[in-house]
């Protein structure tokens, strides 16, 4: 029986814990910056699609002012097809589902945490925000997180969040 309590899990690290370097800009060159595997469960009845936005709200004020942003977006996925009632979704490590939106660097892909070492705070939080929606979004690949958030207004059935932390060594 489905729980209808939207849940997001990242097996590589516990909610609130440190993100392993493999998923950051400090990943070994041969390993790249893989996105972590994502597990989604408890999708509520009536969900047509899901959206996932990962951002860093702890970017230095100088970047907020220079770029006119309040956070740096690391990953945007939307129009992720809802599973059958009671089903789960798994996004493989380094994988993607649905439609990729633009990250803060302008690429339609995941970009790993990379907090600058010369600014405080040195450790940043990375918010993986998941939304269950009652429709697919009328957006194309490359839509910004702001476009996705605007299109979601009035269509969010449930949401979940998972937090990772990272500080460069």
Protein backbone atom coordinates (compact mmCIF):
# COMPACT_ATOMS: atom_id res chain seq x y z
CA UNK A 1 0.00 0.00 0.00
CA UNK A 2 1.49 3.40 -0.96
CA UNK A 3 2.38 5.80 1.82
CA UNK A 4 1.63 8.96 -0.20
CA UNK A 5 4.44 10.61 1.73
CA UNK A 6 6.87 11.81 -0.88
CA UNK A 7 10.38 10.74 0.04
CA UNK A 8 13.79 11.42 -1.45
CA UNK A 9 16.84 9.35 -0.57
CA UNK A 10 20.45 9.55 -1.73
CA UNK A 11 22.23 6.29 -0.82
CA UNK A 12 25.72 7.84 -1.14
CA UNK A 13 25.25 10.02 1.96
CA UNK A 14 22.73 10.50 4.76
CA UNK A 15 20.44 13.51 4.85
CA UNK A 16 22.46 16.37 6.37
CA UNK A 17 25.82 14.60 5.95
CA UNK A 18 28.85 15.36 3.81
CA UNK A 19 28.72 14.68 0.10
CA UNK A 20 31.51 12.33 -1.03
CA UNK A 21 34.12 14.06 -3.26
CA UNK A 22 33.18 11.75 -6.16
CA UNK A 23 30.05 13.90 -6.70
CA UNK A 24 31.91 17.24 -6.54
CA UNK A 25 34.48 19.26 -8.48
CA UNK A 26 37.11 17.39 -6.45
CA UNK A 27 36.26 14.08 -8.14
CA UNK A 28 39.20 12.21 -9.65
CA UNK A 29 39.65 13.19 -13.32
CA UNK A 30 38.87 9.67 -14.50
CA UNK A 31 35.65 9.58 -12.46
CA UNK A 32 34.18 12.89 -13.55
CA UNK A 33 31.53 14.65 -11.49
CA UNK A 34 28.82 12.03 -11.40
CA UNK A 35 25.42 12.94 -10.04
CA UNK A 36 24.50 10.78 -7.05
CA UNK A 37 21.90 8.05 -7.39
CA UNK A 38 18.46 9.25 -6.29
CA UNK A 39 15.64 7.12 -4.88
CA UNK A 40 12.09 8.48 -4.88
CA UNK A 41 9.18 6.82 -3.10
CA UNK A 42 5.79 7.69 -1.67
CA UNK A 43 4.68 9.51 -4.81
CA UNK A 44 1.13 10.71 -4.11
CA UNK A 45 -1.84 9.58 -6.16
CA UNK A 46 -2.62 12.03 -8.94
CA UNK A 47 1.03 12.79 -9.64
CA UNK A 48 1.69 13.19 -13.36
CA UNK A 49 5.34 14.25 -13.20
CA UNK A 50 8.09 15.19 -10.79
CA UNK A 51 10.75 17.88 -10.73
CA UNK A 52 14.12 17.94 -8.96
CA UNK A 53 16.11 21.11 -8.35
CA UNK A 54 19.45 21.08 -6.55
CA UNK A 55 20.94 24.35 -5.43
CA UNK A 56 23.48 25.95 -3.11
CA UNK A 57 22.00 28.79 -1.03
CA UNK A 58 25.34 29.45 0.69
CA UNK A 59 27.16 31.04 -2.24
CA UNK A 60 29.21 34.10 -1.26
CA UNK A 61 27.42 37.46 -1.26
CA UNK A 62 29.84 38.75 -3.88
CA UNK A 63 28.49 36.17 -6.37
CA UNK A 64 24.89 36.87 -5.37
CA UNK A 65 25.46 40.55 -6.14
CA UNK A 66 27.52 40.02 -9.33
CA UNK A 67 25.09 37.54 -10.85
CA UNK A 68 21.83 38.78 -9.31
CA UNK A 69 21.05 35.34 -7.87
CA UNK A 70 20.23 34.03 -4.40
CA UNK A 71 21.60 30.53 -4.96
CA UNK A 72 23.68 28.61 -7.48
CA UNK A 73 21.72 25.90 -9.28
CA UNK A 74 23.56 22.59 -9.68
CA UNK A 75 20.91 20.38 -11.28
CA UNK A 76 17.45 20.71 -12.79
CA UNK A 77 15.32 17.78 -13.92
CA UNK A 78 11.63 18.14 -14.71
CA UNK A 79 8.85 16.17 -16.39
CA UNK A 80 10.16 13.06 -14.67
CA UNK A 81 7.38 10.53 -15.39
CA UNK A 82 5.43 9.47 -12.31
CA UNK A 83 5.63 5.78 -11.44
CA UNK A 84 2.53 3.58 -11.25
CA UNK A 85 0.67 4.03 -7.95
CA UNK A 86 2.79 2.53 -5.20
CA UNK A 87 5.87 2.43 -7.44
CA UNK A 88 9.27 3.97 -6.90
CA UNK A 89 11.72 5.81 -9.11
CA UNK A 90 15.48 5.37 -9.16
CA UNK A 91 17.78 7.73 -10.99
CA UNK A 92 21.08 5.93 -11.51
CA UNK A 93 24.39 7.45 -10.48
CA UNK A 94 25.47 9.72 -13.31
CA UNK A 95 22.04 9.29 -14.87
CA UNK A 96 19.19 11.53 -15.83
CA UNK A 97 15.45 11.14 -16.31
CA UNK A 98 12.78 13.40 -17.67
CA UNK A 99 13.94 16.69 -19.15
CA UNK A 100 17.18 18.40 -18.14
CA UNK A 101 17.07 22.09 -17.34
CA UNK A 102 19.96 24.54 -17.21
CA UNK A 103 22.26 24.62 -14.21
CA UNK A 104 23.90 27.84 -12.98
CA UNK A 105 26.72 27.39 -15.50
CA UNK A 106 24.22 27.17 -18.37
CA UNK A 107 24.63 23.45 -19.09
CA UNK A 108 21.73 20.99 -19.17
CA UNK A 109 23.48 18.66 -16.76
CA UNK A 110 24.52 18.07 -13.18
CA UNK A 111 27.44 20.11 -11.88
CA UNK A 112 28.94 19.07 -8.58
CA UNK A 113 29.44 21.14 -5.46
CA UNK A 114 32.54 23.33 -5.59
CA UNK A 115 32.42 25.96 -2.84
CA UNK A 116 35.19 28.55 -3.25
CA UNK A 117 37.82 28.19 -0.52
CA UNK A 118 38.59 31.89 -0.19
CA UNK A 119 35.12 32.85 1.12
CA UNK A 120 33.14 32.04 4.25
CA UNK A 121 31.30 29.89 4.85
CA UNK A 122 33.72 27.30 3.50
CA UNK A 123 31.19 24.51 3.96
CA UNK A 124 28.04 24.89 1.88
CA UNK A 125 24.65 23.20 1.98
CA UNK A 126 23.25 21.61 -1.16
CA UNK A 127 19.46 21.30 -1.22
CA UNK A 128 17.97 18.52 -3.33
CA UNK A 129 14.33 19.63 -3.68
CA UNK A 130 11.77 17.23 -5.11
CA UNK A 131 8.26 18.16 -6.22
CA UNK A 132 5.30 15.93 -7.18
CA UNK A 133 3.17 17.74 -9.77
CA UNK A 134 -0.34 17.27 -11.15
CA UNK A 135 0.82 17.99 -14.71
CA UNK A 136 3.79 17.92 -17.02
CA UNK A 137 5.40 21.32 -17.39
CA UNK A 138 5.08 23.14 -20.74
CA UNK A 139 8.82 23.81 -20.89
CA UNK A 140 11.65 22.73 -23.16
CA UNK A 141 15.04 21.30 -22.28
CA UNK A 142 17.31 24.00 -20.94
CA UNK A 143 14.61 25.78 -18.93
CA UNK A 144 16.03 27.53 -15.88
CA UNK A 145 15.19 26.58 -12.30
CA UNK A 146 13.25 29.86 -12.06
CA UNK A 147 11.20 28.89 -15.15
CA UNK A 148 10.49 25.47 -13.64
CA UNK A 149 9.49 26.99 -10.30
CA UNK A 150 7.16 29.47 -12.00
CA UNK A 151 5.54 26.75 -14.14
CA UNK A 152 5.02 24.58 -11.01
CA UNK A 153 2.99 27.27 -9.19
CA UNK A 154 -0.42 25.87 -8.26
CA UNK A 155 0.52 22.34 -9.37
CA UNK A 156 2.58 20.99 -6.45
CA UNK A 157 0.93 18.01 -4.74
CA UNK A 158 3.81 17.24 -2.39
CA UNK A 159 7.45 18.07 -1.89
CA UNK A 160 10.49 16.61 -0.16
CA UNK A 161 14.00 17.84 0.51
CA UNK A 162 17.36 16.21 1.18
CA UNK A 163 20.46 18.12 2.25
CA UNK A 164 24.11 17.41 1.60
CA UNK A 165 27.10 19.45 2.81
CA UNK A 166 30.47 19.97 1.23
CA UNK A 167 33.72 21.79 2.02
CA UNK A 168 36.73 21.60 -0.25
CA UNK A 169 39.90 20.22 1.29
